[in-house]
N, C-alpha and C. Protein backbone atom coordinates (compact mmCIF):
# COMPACT_ATOMS: atom_id res chain seq x y z
N MET A 1 -13.04 -23.68 3.54
CA MET A 1 -12.87 -23.70 4.96
C MET A 1 -14.09 -23.03 5.60
N LYS A 2 -14.69 -23.65 6.56
CA LYS A 2 -15.86 -23.09 7.23
C LYS A 2 -15.45 -22.55 8.59
N ALA A 3 -16.21 -21.55 9.08
CA ALA A 3 -15.86 -20.89 10.34
C ALA A 3 -15.76 -21.89 11.48
N ARG A 4 -16.65 -22.86 11.53
CA ARG A 4 -16.61 -23.81 12.64
C ARG A 4 -15.41 -24.74 12.56
N ASP A 5 -14.80 -24.85 11.37
CA ASP A 5 -13.64 -25.72 11.19
C ASP A 5 -12.33 -25.00 11.51
N HIS A 6 -12.36 -23.73 11.70
CA HIS A 6 -11.13 -22.97 11.86
C HIS A 6 -11.02 -22.41 13.28
N SER A 7 -10.05 -22.92 14.03
CA SER A 7 -9.92 -22.52 15.43
C SER A 7 -9.37 -21.12 15.61
N LEU A 8 -8.81 -20.51 14.58
CA LEU A 8 -8.21 -19.19 14.73
C LEU A 8 -9.22 -18.06 14.81
N VAL A 9 -10.44 -18.32 14.40
CA VAL A 9 -11.44 -17.27 14.43
C VAL A 9 -11.83 -17.01 15.88
N SER A 10 -11.56 -15.81 16.34
CA SER A 10 -11.76 -15.52 17.76
C SER A 10 -13.05 -14.78 18.06
N SER A 11 -13.68 -14.24 17.05
CA SER A 11 -14.92 -13.53 17.33
C SER A 11 -15.83 -13.59 16.11
N ILE A 12 -17.09 -13.49 16.36
CA ILE A 12 -18.06 -13.53 15.26
C ILE A 12 -17.88 -12.33 14.36
N SER A 13 -17.55 -11.17 14.92
CA SER A 13 -17.41 -9.98 14.10
C SER A 13 -16.26 -10.09 13.11
N SER A 14 -15.17 -10.76 13.47
CA SER A 14 -14.06 -10.90 12.53
C SER A 14 -14.19 -12.14 11.67
N ALA A 15 -15.06 -13.07 12.03
CA ALA A 15 -15.17 -14.32 11.29
C ALA A 15 -15.60 -14.09 9.85
N TYR A 16 -16.51 -13.13 9.63
CA TYR A 16 -17.00 -12.88 8.28
C TYR A 16 -15.84 -12.44 7.37
N ILE A 17 -15.08 -11.44 7.82
CA ILE A 17 -13.96 -10.96 7.03
C ILE A 17 -12.88 -12.03 6.94
N TYR A 18 -12.62 -12.70 8.05
CA TYR A 18 -11.58 -13.71 8.09
C TYR A 18 -11.84 -14.79 7.05
N MET A 19 -13.05 -15.27 6.99
CA MET A 19 -13.37 -16.31 6.02
C MET A 19 -13.35 -15.74 4.60
N ASP A 20 -13.79 -14.53 4.43
CA ASP A 20 -13.78 -13.95 3.11
C ASP A 20 -12.37 -13.83 2.54
N ILE A 21 -11.40 -13.49 3.37
CA ILE A 21 -10.04 -13.32 2.85
C ILE A 21 -9.49 -14.66 2.38
N PHE A 22 -9.76 -15.74 3.10
CA PHE A 22 -9.29 -17.04 2.66
C PHE A 22 -10.01 -17.49 1.39
N GLU A 23 -11.29 -17.22 1.31
CA GLU A 23 -12.04 -17.53 0.09
C GLU A 23 -11.52 -16.70 -1.08
N ALA A 24 -11.20 -15.44 -0.81
CA ALA A 24 -10.67 -14.56 -1.86
C ALA A 24 -9.32 -15.08 -2.37
N ILE A 25 -8.45 -15.45 -1.46
CA ILE A 25 -7.14 -15.97 -1.86
C ILE A 25 -7.31 -17.25 -2.66
N LYS A 26 -8.20 -18.11 -2.21
CA LYS A 26 -8.45 -19.37 -2.93
C LYS A 26 -9.02 -19.09 -4.33
N THR A 27 -9.89 -18.10 -4.44
CA THR A 27 -10.45 -17.74 -5.74
C THR A 27 -9.35 -17.29 -6.70
N ILE A 28 -8.44 -16.47 -6.20
CA ILE A 28 -7.33 -15.98 -7.03
C ILE A 28 -6.39 -17.13 -7.37
N GLN A 29 -6.20 -18.02 -6.43
CA GLN A 29 -5.27 -19.13 -6.59
C GLN A 29 -5.77 -20.18 -7.60
N THR A 30 -7.07 -20.31 -7.70
CA THR A 30 -7.66 -21.33 -8.56
C THR A 30 -7.57 -20.90 -10.02
N PRO A 31 -7.01 -21.75 -10.87
CA PRO A 31 -6.92 -21.38 -12.29
C PRO A 31 -8.31 -21.16 -12.89
N ARG A 32 -8.36 -20.28 -13.85
CA ARG A 32 -9.63 -19.98 -14.52
C ARG A 32 -10.16 -21.24 -15.19
N VAL A 33 -11.45 -21.41 -15.13
CA VAL A 33 -12.10 -22.57 -15.72
C VAL A 33 -12.33 -22.35 -17.21
N ILE A 34 -12.73 -21.16 -17.57
CA ILE A 34 -13.08 -20.85 -18.96
C ILE A 34 -12.17 -19.74 -19.46
N THR A 35 -11.63 -19.90 -20.63
CA THR A 35 -10.89 -18.82 -21.27
C THR A 35 -11.77 -18.20 -22.35
N TRP A 36 -11.63 -16.90 -22.50
CA TRP A 36 -12.51 -16.18 -23.41
C TRP A 36 -12.21 -16.53 -24.87
N SER A 37 -13.28 -16.70 -25.59
CA SER A 37 -13.19 -16.90 -27.03
C SER A 37 -14.52 -16.46 -27.63
N ARG A 38 -14.48 -16.01 -28.87
CA ARG A 38 -15.71 -15.56 -29.53
C ARG A 38 -16.68 -16.70 -29.78
N SER A 39 -16.16 -17.91 -29.77
CA SER A 39 -17.01 -19.06 -30.07
C SER A 39 -17.73 -19.62 -28.83
N LEU A 40 -17.61 -18.95 -27.69
CA LEU A 40 -18.30 -19.42 -26.49
C LEU A 40 -19.81 -19.31 -26.67
N SER A 41 -20.51 -20.27 -26.10
CA SER A 41 -21.97 -20.19 -26.11
C SER A 41 -22.41 -19.07 -25.17
N GLN A 42 -23.66 -18.69 -25.24
CA GLN A 42 -24.18 -17.64 -24.36
C GLN A 42 -24.01 -18.04 -22.89
N GLN A 43 -24.29 -19.28 -22.57
CA GLN A 43 -24.15 -19.76 -21.19
C GLN A 43 -22.70 -19.71 -20.75
N GLU A 44 -21.78 -20.10 -21.61
CA GLU A 44 -20.34 -20.05 -21.29
C GLU A 44 -19.88 -18.62 -21.09
N LYS A 45 -20.40 -17.69 -21.89
CA LYS A 45 -20.05 -16.28 -21.72
C LYS A 45 -20.54 -15.76 -20.37
N GLN A 46 -21.73 -16.16 -19.97
CA GLN A 46 -22.26 -15.75 -18.67
C GLN A 46 -21.41 -16.35 -17.54
N GLU A 47 -21.03 -17.60 -17.67
CA GLU A 47 -20.19 -18.24 -16.66
C GLU A 47 -18.83 -17.54 -16.58
N TYR A 48 -18.28 -17.20 -17.75
CA TYR A 48 -17.01 -16.48 -17.80
C TYR A 48 -17.12 -15.14 -17.07
N GLN A 49 -18.18 -14.40 -17.37
CA GLN A 49 -18.38 -13.09 -16.74
C GLN A 49 -18.59 -13.22 -15.24
N ALA A 50 -19.31 -14.24 -14.80
CA ALA A 50 -19.54 -14.45 -13.37
C ALA A 50 -18.22 -14.79 -12.67
N GLU A 51 -17.43 -15.63 -13.30
CA GLU A 51 -16.14 -15.99 -12.73
C GLU A 51 -15.22 -14.77 -12.68
N TRP A 52 -15.22 -13.97 -13.73
CA TRP A 52 -14.39 -12.77 -13.76
C TRP A 52 -14.81 -11.79 -12.66
N LYS A 53 -16.11 -11.62 -12.47
CA LYS A 53 -16.61 -10.71 -11.44
C LYS A 53 -16.18 -11.22 -10.05
N GLN A 54 -16.26 -12.51 -9.82
CA GLN A 54 -15.86 -13.08 -8.54
C GLN A 54 -14.37 -12.85 -8.30
N ARG A 55 -13.56 -12.98 -9.33
CA ARG A 55 -12.12 -12.75 -9.19
C ARG A 55 -11.82 -11.27 -8.92
N GLN A 56 -12.57 -10.38 -9.55
CA GLN A 56 -12.39 -8.95 -9.29
C GLN A 56 -12.76 -8.61 -7.84
N GLU A 57 -13.85 -9.17 -7.34
CA GLU A 57 -14.26 -8.93 -5.96
C GLU A 57 -13.22 -9.49 -4.99
N ALA A 58 -12.66 -10.64 -5.30
CA ALA A 58 -11.63 -11.23 -4.46
C ALA A 58 -10.39 -10.32 -4.42
N GLU A 59 -10.02 -9.80 -5.57
CA GLU A 59 -8.88 -8.90 -5.66
C GLU A 59 -9.11 -7.64 -4.81
N LYS A 60 -10.28 -7.05 -4.94
CA LYS A 60 -10.61 -5.85 -4.16
C LYS A 60 -10.53 -6.11 -2.66
N LEU A 61 -11.05 -7.25 -2.23
CA LEU A 61 -11.02 -7.59 -0.81
C LEU A 61 -9.59 -7.72 -0.32
N CYS A 62 -8.75 -8.39 -1.10
CA CYS A 62 -7.35 -8.58 -0.70
C CYS A 62 -6.57 -7.27 -0.69
N GLU A 63 -6.91 -6.35 -1.58
CA GLU A 63 -6.20 -5.07 -1.66
C GLU A 63 -6.67 -4.06 -0.61
N ASN A 64 -7.84 -4.26 -0.05
CA ASN A 64 -8.43 -3.29 0.87
C ASN A 64 -7.82 -3.39 2.26
N TYR A 65 -7.14 -2.35 2.68
CA TYR A 65 -6.50 -2.29 4.00
C TYR A 65 -7.49 -2.57 5.13
N MET A 66 -8.71 -2.11 4.98
CA MET A 66 -9.72 -2.27 6.02
C MET A 66 -10.03 -3.75 6.30
N THR A 67 -9.82 -4.60 5.33
CA THR A 67 -10.05 -6.03 5.50
C THR A 67 -9.24 -6.60 6.67
N TYR A 68 -8.08 -6.05 6.92
CA TYR A 68 -7.11 -6.63 7.84
C TYR A 68 -7.19 -6.08 9.27
N LEU A 69 -7.93 -5.02 9.47
CA LEU A 69 -7.91 -4.32 10.75
C LEU A 69 -8.45 -5.13 11.93
N GLN A 70 -9.34 -6.07 11.70
CA GLN A 70 -9.94 -6.82 12.80
C GLN A 70 -9.20 -8.11 13.14
N PHE A 71 -8.15 -8.44 12.40
CA PHE A 71 -7.45 -9.69 12.63
C PHE A 71 -6.62 -9.65 13.90
N THR A 72 -6.60 -10.78 14.60
CA THR A 72 -5.65 -10.96 15.69
C THR A 72 -4.30 -11.29 15.06
N VAL A 73 -3.26 -11.35 15.88
CA VAL A 73 -1.94 -11.71 15.38
C VAL A 73 -1.98 -13.12 14.77
N ARG A 74 -2.62 -14.05 15.44
CA ARG A 74 -2.69 -15.43 14.92
C ARG A 74 -3.45 -15.49 13.60
N GLU A 75 -4.54 -14.76 13.50
CA GLU A 75 -5.30 -14.73 12.26
C GLU A 75 -4.47 -14.10 11.14
N GLY A 76 -3.80 -12.99 11.46
CA GLY A 76 -2.95 -12.33 10.47
C GLY A 76 -1.81 -13.23 10.00
N HIS A 77 -1.25 -13.99 10.93
CA HIS A 77 -0.17 -14.93 10.58
C HIS A 77 -0.69 -16.00 9.62
N ALA A 78 -1.89 -16.50 9.88
CA ALA A 78 -2.49 -17.50 9.00
C ALA A 78 -2.74 -16.92 7.60
N VAL A 79 -3.19 -15.67 7.54
CA VAL A 79 -3.40 -15.02 6.24
C VAL A 79 -2.05 -14.84 5.53
N ALA A 80 -1.01 -14.48 6.28
CA ALA A 80 0.32 -14.32 5.68
C ALA A 80 0.80 -15.64 5.09
N LEU A 81 0.58 -16.73 5.78
CA LEU A 81 0.96 -18.04 5.24
C LEU A 81 0.19 -18.34 3.96
N ALA A 82 -1.08 -17.98 3.93
CA ALA A 82 -1.88 -18.18 2.72
C ALA A 82 -1.35 -17.31 1.58
N ALA A 83 -0.90 -16.09 1.89
CA ALA A 83 -0.33 -15.21 0.87
C ALA A 83 0.97 -15.80 0.31
N LEU A 84 1.79 -16.38 1.19
CA LEU A 84 3.02 -17.02 0.73
C LEU A 84 2.71 -18.22 -0.16
N GLU A 85 1.69 -18.97 0.19
CA GLU A 85 1.27 -20.09 -0.64
C GLU A 85 0.78 -19.58 -2.01
N LEU A 86 0.04 -18.49 -2.00
CA LEU A 86 -0.42 -17.88 -3.24
C LEU A 86 0.77 -17.50 -4.12
N PHE A 87 1.79 -16.94 -3.51
CA PHE A 87 3.00 -16.58 -4.24
C PHE A 87 3.65 -17.83 -4.83
N ASP A 88 3.72 -18.90 -4.04
CA ASP A 88 4.39 -20.12 -4.47
C ASP A 88 3.70 -20.81 -5.64
N VAL A 89 2.38 -20.83 -5.63
CA VAL A 89 1.67 -21.52 -6.72
C VAL A 89 1.65 -20.68 -7.99
N GLY A 90 1.84 -19.41 -7.85
CA GLY A 90 1.82 -18.52 -9.01
C GLY A 90 0.39 -18.23 -9.44
N VAL A 91 0.21 -17.07 -9.96
CA VAL A 91 -1.11 -16.63 -10.40
C VAL A 91 -0.96 -15.92 -11.74
N GLU A 92 -2.09 -15.67 -12.38
CA GLU A 92 -2.03 -14.97 -13.66
C GLU A 92 -1.47 -13.56 -13.44
N ASN A 93 -0.93 -12.99 -14.50
CA ASN A 93 -0.22 -11.71 -14.41
C ASN A 93 -0.99 -10.62 -13.67
N ARG A 94 -2.27 -10.54 -13.89
CA ARG A 94 -3.08 -9.49 -13.26
C ARG A 94 -2.91 -9.50 -11.74
N PHE A 95 -2.70 -10.66 -11.16
CA PHE A 95 -2.66 -10.81 -9.70
C PHE A 95 -1.24 -11.07 -9.16
N GLN A 96 -0.22 -10.86 -9.96
CA GLN A 96 1.12 -11.25 -9.56
C GLN A 96 1.63 -10.51 -8.31
N TYR A 97 1.16 -9.32 -8.06
CA TYR A 97 1.61 -8.57 -6.89
C TYR A 97 0.68 -8.72 -5.69
N LEU A 98 -0.36 -9.47 -5.83
CA LEU A 98 -1.33 -9.62 -4.74
C LEU A 98 -0.71 -10.21 -3.46
N PRO A 99 0.17 -11.22 -3.53
CA PRO A 99 0.77 -11.70 -2.28
C PRO A 99 1.52 -10.60 -1.52
N GLN A 100 2.26 -9.76 -2.25
CA GLN A 100 2.97 -8.66 -1.60
C GLN A 100 2.01 -7.64 -1.01
N ILE A 101 0.92 -7.37 -1.71
CA ILE A 101 -0.08 -6.42 -1.21
C ILE A 101 -0.71 -6.94 0.08
N ILE A 102 -1.02 -8.22 0.10
CA ILE A 102 -1.60 -8.84 1.30
C ILE A 102 -0.61 -8.72 2.46
N LEU A 103 0.65 -9.06 2.21
CA LEU A 103 1.66 -8.99 3.26
C LEU A 103 1.88 -7.55 3.74
N GLU A 104 1.87 -6.61 2.83
CA GLU A 104 2.03 -5.20 3.20
C GLU A 104 0.87 -4.74 4.09
N ASN A 105 -0.35 -5.10 3.70
CA ASN A 105 -1.51 -4.73 4.52
C ASN A 105 -1.41 -5.35 5.91
N LEU A 106 -0.96 -6.58 5.99
CA LEU A 106 -0.78 -7.22 7.29
C LEU A 106 0.29 -6.51 8.11
N ALA A 107 1.39 -6.14 7.47
CA ALA A 107 2.47 -5.44 8.19
C ALA A 107 1.97 -4.13 8.79
N LYS A 108 1.10 -3.45 8.07
CA LYS A 108 0.59 -2.17 8.54
C LYS A 108 -0.55 -2.32 9.55
N ALA A 109 -1.40 -3.32 9.37
CA ALA A 109 -2.64 -3.40 10.15
C ALA A 109 -2.58 -4.36 11.33
N VAL A 110 -1.70 -5.35 11.28
CA VAL A 110 -1.68 -6.39 12.31
C VAL A 110 -0.25 -6.56 12.84
N PRO A 111 0.18 -5.72 13.77
CA PRO A 111 1.53 -5.85 14.31
C PRO A 111 1.78 -7.27 14.83
N GLY A 112 2.90 -7.83 14.42
CA GLY A 112 3.29 -9.16 14.86
C GLY A 112 2.86 -10.28 13.93
N ALA A 113 2.03 -9.99 12.95
CA ALA A 113 1.50 -11.04 12.06
C ALA A 113 2.59 -11.69 11.21
N LEU A 114 3.65 -10.96 10.91
CA LEU A 114 4.70 -11.50 10.04
C LEU A 114 5.87 -12.10 10.81
N GLN A 115 5.80 -12.07 12.14
CA GLN A 115 6.89 -12.64 12.94
C GLN A 115 7.11 -14.10 12.57
N GLY A 116 8.37 -14.46 12.40
CA GLY A 116 8.72 -15.83 12.06
C GLY A 116 8.64 -16.13 10.57
N LEU A 117 8.24 -15.17 9.76
CA LEU A 117 8.08 -15.40 8.33
C LEU A 117 9.11 -14.64 7.47
N TYR A 118 9.96 -13.88 8.11
CA TYR A 118 10.86 -13.01 7.35
C TYR A 118 11.82 -13.80 6.47
N THR A 119 12.36 -14.89 6.97
CA THR A 119 13.27 -15.70 6.15
C THR A 119 12.54 -16.26 4.94
N LEU A 120 11.30 -16.69 5.15
CA LEU A 120 10.50 -17.20 4.02
C LEU A 120 10.27 -16.11 2.98
N MET A 121 10.04 -14.90 3.44
CA MET A 121 9.82 -13.78 2.52
C MET A 121 11.10 -13.44 1.77
N ILE A 122 12.23 -13.46 2.47
CA ILE A 122 13.51 -13.13 1.84
C ILE A 122 13.88 -14.17 0.79
N THR A 123 13.70 -15.45 1.10
CA THR A 123 14.05 -16.49 0.13
C THR A 123 13.19 -16.42 -1.12
N ARG A 124 12.04 -15.80 -1.03
CA ARG A 124 11.16 -15.62 -2.19
C ARG A 124 11.37 -14.25 -2.86
N ASN A 125 12.35 -13.50 -2.36
CA ASN A 125 12.61 -12.14 -2.85
C ASN A 125 11.37 -11.26 -2.76
N LEU A 126 10.65 -11.39 -1.66
CA LEU A 126 9.45 -10.58 -1.45
C LEU A 126 9.84 -9.29 -0.75
N PHE A 127 10.15 -8.32 -1.57
CA PHE A 127 10.42 -6.97 -1.09
C PHE A 127 9.40 -6.11 -1.81
N TRP A 128 8.84 -5.18 -1.11
CA TRP A 128 7.74 -4.43 -1.71
C TRP A 128 7.89 -2.96 -1.40
N GLY A 129 7.88 -2.17 -2.45
CA GLY A 129 7.86 -0.72 -2.30
C GLY A 129 8.94 -0.19 -1.38
N ASP A 130 8.51 0.35 -0.29
CA ASP A 130 9.44 1.01 0.63
C ASP A 130 10.01 0.08 1.70
N GLY A 131 9.77 -1.20 1.64
CA GLY A 131 10.34 -2.15 2.59
C GLY A 131 9.57 -2.32 3.87
N ILE A 132 8.37 -1.78 3.95
CA ILE A 132 7.60 -1.81 5.19
C ILE A 132 7.33 -3.23 5.69
N LEU A 133 7.42 -4.21 4.83
CA LEU A 133 7.21 -5.60 5.27
C LEU A 133 8.15 -5.97 6.40
N TYR A 134 9.28 -5.30 6.49
CA TYR A 134 10.32 -5.69 7.44
C TYR A 134 10.40 -4.79 8.67
N TRP A 135 9.39 -3.98 8.91
CA TRP A 135 9.48 -3.00 10.00
C TRP A 135 9.53 -3.63 11.38
N GLU A 136 9.07 -4.85 11.55
CA GLU A 136 9.16 -5.52 12.85
C GLU A 136 10.16 -6.67 12.84
N ALA A 137 11.01 -6.71 11.83
CA ALA A 137 11.94 -7.82 11.70
C ALA A 137 12.90 -7.89 12.88
N ASP A 138 13.27 -9.08 13.23
CA ASP A 138 14.17 -9.33 14.36
C ASP A 138 15.63 -9.10 13.92
N PRO A 139 16.55 -9.03 14.89
CA PRO A 139 17.96 -8.78 14.56
C PRO A 139 18.56 -9.83 13.61
N ASP A 140 18.16 -11.09 13.73
CA ASP A 140 18.69 -12.12 12.83
C ASP A 140 18.29 -11.83 11.39
N THR A 141 17.08 -11.35 11.19
CA THR A 141 16.65 -10.98 9.84
C THR A 141 17.49 -9.82 9.33
N GLY A 142 17.74 -8.86 10.20
CA GLY A 142 18.60 -7.73 9.83
C GLY A 142 19.98 -8.20 9.41
N ASP A 143 20.55 -9.15 10.16
CA ASP A 143 21.86 -9.70 9.81
C ASP A 143 21.83 -10.40 8.46
N LEU A 144 20.75 -11.15 8.21
CA LEU A 144 20.60 -11.84 6.92
C LEU A 144 20.52 -10.83 5.78
N LEU A 145 19.72 -9.79 5.97
CA LEU A 145 19.61 -8.76 4.93
C LEU A 145 20.94 -8.05 4.70
N LEU A 146 21.69 -7.79 5.78
CA LEU A 146 23.00 -7.15 5.64
C LEU A 146 23.96 -8.05 4.87
N SER A 147 23.94 -9.34 5.14
CA SER A 147 24.84 -10.25 4.41
C SER A 147 24.46 -10.32 2.94
N LEU A 148 23.16 -10.28 2.64
CA LEU A 148 22.72 -10.25 1.24
C LEU A 148 23.14 -8.95 0.56
N LEU A 149 23.09 -7.86 1.31
CA LEU A 149 23.48 -6.57 0.77
C LEU A 149 24.96 -6.56 0.39
N GLU A 150 25.78 -7.22 1.21
CA GLU A 150 27.22 -7.25 0.94
C GLU A 150 27.56 -8.03 -0.33
N THR A 151 26.74 -9.02 -0.67
CA THR A 151 27.02 -9.85 -1.84
C THR A 151 26.26 -9.39 -3.09
N ASP A 152 25.43 -8.38 -2.98
CA ASP A 152 24.60 -7.93 -4.09
C ASP A 152 25.32 -6.85 -4.88
N GLN A 153 24.96 -6.74 -6.17
CA GLN A 153 25.49 -5.67 -7.00
C GLN A 153 24.94 -4.34 -6.51
N GLN A 154 25.80 -3.37 -6.35
CA GLN A 154 25.40 -2.10 -5.75
C GLN A 154 24.36 -1.34 -6.57
N ASP A 155 24.34 -1.49 -7.86
CA ASP A 155 23.41 -0.72 -8.69
C ASP A 155 22.17 -1.52 -9.08
N GLY A 156 22.05 -2.74 -8.62
CA GLY A 156 20.92 -3.57 -9.02
C GLY A 156 19.65 -3.22 -8.28
N PRO A 157 18.51 -3.61 -8.84
CA PRO A 157 17.22 -3.31 -8.18
C PRO A 157 17.08 -4.01 -6.83
N LYS A 158 17.66 -5.19 -6.69
CA LYS A 158 17.58 -5.89 -5.41
C LYS A 158 18.34 -5.12 -4.32
N HIS A 159 19.42 -4.48 -4.70
CA HIS A 159 20.19 -3.67 -3.75
C HIS A 159 19.30 -2.59 -3.13
N HIS A 160 18.56 -1.92 -3.97
CA HIS A 160 17.63 -0.89 -3.49
C HIS A 160 16.58 -1.50 -2.55
N ASP A 161 16.03 -2.65 -2.93
CA ASP A 161 15.03 -3.33 -2.09
C ASP A 161 15.60 -3.71 -0.73
N LEU A 162 16.83 -4.20 -0.73
CA LEU A 162 17.48 -4.58 0.53
C LEU A 162 17.69 -3.36 1.43
N LEU A 163 18.12 -2.27 0.84
CA LEU A 163 18.31 -1.03 1.62
C LEU A 163 17.00 -0.55 2.22
N CYS A 164 15.93 -0.60 1.44
CA CYS A 164 14.62 -0.17 1.93
C CYS A 164 14.15 -1.07 3.08
N ALA A 165 14.34 -2.36 2.94
CA ALA A 165 13.95 -3.28 4.00
C ALA A 165 14.76 -3.01 5.27
N LEU A 166 16.05 -2.82 5.11
CA LEU A 166 16.91 -2.55 6.27
C LEU A 166 16.56 -1.23 6.95
N ALA A 167 16.11 -0.27 6.19
CA ALA A 167 15.77 1.04 6.75
C ALA A 167 14.63 0.95 7.77
N TRP A 168 13.78 -0.07 7.64
CA TRP A 168 12.65 -0.22 8.55
C TRP A 168 13.01 -0.96 9.84
N ILE A 169 14.11 -1.68 9.83
CA ILE A 169 14.46 -2.51 10.99
C ILE A 169 15.01 -1.62 12.09
N ARG A 170 14.47 -1.77 13.28
CA ARG A 170 14.81 -0.89 14.39
C ARG A 170 15.94 -1.43 15.26
N ASP A 171 16.63 -2.44 14.83
CA ASP A 171 17.73 -3.02 15.59
C ASP A 171 18.94 -2.09 15.54
N GLU A 172 19.58 -1.88 16.69
CA GLU A 172 20.72 -0.95 16.76
C GLU A 172 21.88 -1.39 15.88
N ARG A 173 22.16 -2.70 15.84
CA ARG A 173 23.28 -3.18 15.01
C ARG A 173 23.03 -2.87 13.55
N VAL A 174 21.80 -3.01 13.10
CA VAL A 174 21.48 -2.72 11.71
C VAL A 174 21.60 -1.23 11.47
N GLN A 175 21.07 -0.43 12.37
CA GLN A 175 21.12 1.02 12.20
C GLN A 175 22.56 1.55 12.22
N GLU A 176 23.43 0.92 13.02
CA GLU A 176 24.83 1.34 13.07
C GLU A 176 25.52 1.21 11.71
N GLN A 177 25.08 0.28 10.89
CA GLN A 177 25.67 0.08 9.58
C GLN A 177 25.48 1.29 8.67
N PHE A 178 24.51 2.11 9.00
CA PHE A 178 24.20 3.28 8.16
C PHE A 178 24.79 4.56 8.72
N ASN A 179 25.39 4.49 9.89
CA ASN A 179 26.03 5.67 10.49
C ASN A 179 27.50 5.68 10.06
N ILE A 180 27.82 6.57 9.19
CA ILE A 180 29.20 6.63 8.67
C ILE A 180 29.93 7.78 9.28
């Protein structure tokens, strides 16, 4: 994707980072071309190392909170959709948590970027750490999480994730559920 092809880029200063994040996600999403073996030629080993270095740089960019600070809400939303796509296609084990890391960084750095995506995140069981992904969730999302909590095993790991997500939601109806 080139900057001139993407209407979401609102400024030249954010265009560089904006394009880099999409390129980084695409790099992670693309299956490796070469797998390591001792029988690789010298040229194949160099290609392998170059590809590995590019994947490491892509990972660092996606993990870096500073990457997300210049995004507008629309740009952040587009990155969130790309992260969900990354989750859906699956990636090698090393990068399995990268979609959640991207979404967490967006939740912290770009208020409003995840609006409208909470149901998609819930259906994919995307709960991360302390539940911060859901801090701006709407009341309907809170109701959905509460209904899932009622049907979940109380001692299961998902139960803990649901409680953490609900703890971030600022809706009064959700908060009332915790006042005993």
